[in-house]
């Protein structure tokens, strides 16, 4: 208490000046219309700027929630399209209906030959081992392991996986894989030499490995190498999925 009293004594003139200024400002604003108008204009401008900034931050914080809602809507729409388009083509014991579940990528491929990725959800979200994974409608990988809330994904950028594909929707089936060198390029192997392929052609899934339905986009042809006397040619493919920037995933 004594220290507080000493502090007030030491700053008595400053406190008195502030009090008098407050009283003067109050009297001025109460009796001078021009001053009152100017004051409210200034404070109104500041309040507007603060409210605008707060509104901007609020919108920014809602982006994640809005993106998640959009991802779920996209997954639902893709489920309906796949069910309609593939109900006749995919036959097991009964008609196979493809259901799309939305998810989020936590850790993407790091460029190492046998690295895997981590995503949500897991078993609690209906995810199962062997499911195909899309990013923006393009092939991303397949579910390797599942936990209660997470799953591990083998992406196209994994040297231990291969994918049944074809150039164009009617081309012969070939095997797509990664050589572990460049994350921006995949290799399409065992492509018959007679196939007419050129840069920019689209590579689709064949549907034969049951991880993806047919005609899911895998990538586009980057280069075609035909060796003299060989029955097959080497085709380099640029993946359609962006493995460095993907966030929202879809599980089939």
Foldseek 3Di string as FASTA:
>chain_A
DVVVVVVCVVCVVVVVVVVVVVVVLVVCLVPPVVSVVVVCVVVVVVVVVVVVVVVVVVVVVCPVVVVVVVQQVVQQVVQVVQQVVCQVPDDDPHGDRDHKDKWWWDAFDDLAQADKTKIWAFVCRVDDFLWWKDFPQAGFFTWHAGDHGMTITDGLSHQVDWAWKAFPQPGDTWIKHDPSDDPFKIKTPDHFPVDDADWFTWMWGNCPVVNDHTGRTFFTWHDWADDPPDRHTMTMTGGPDDRVDTTMMMID
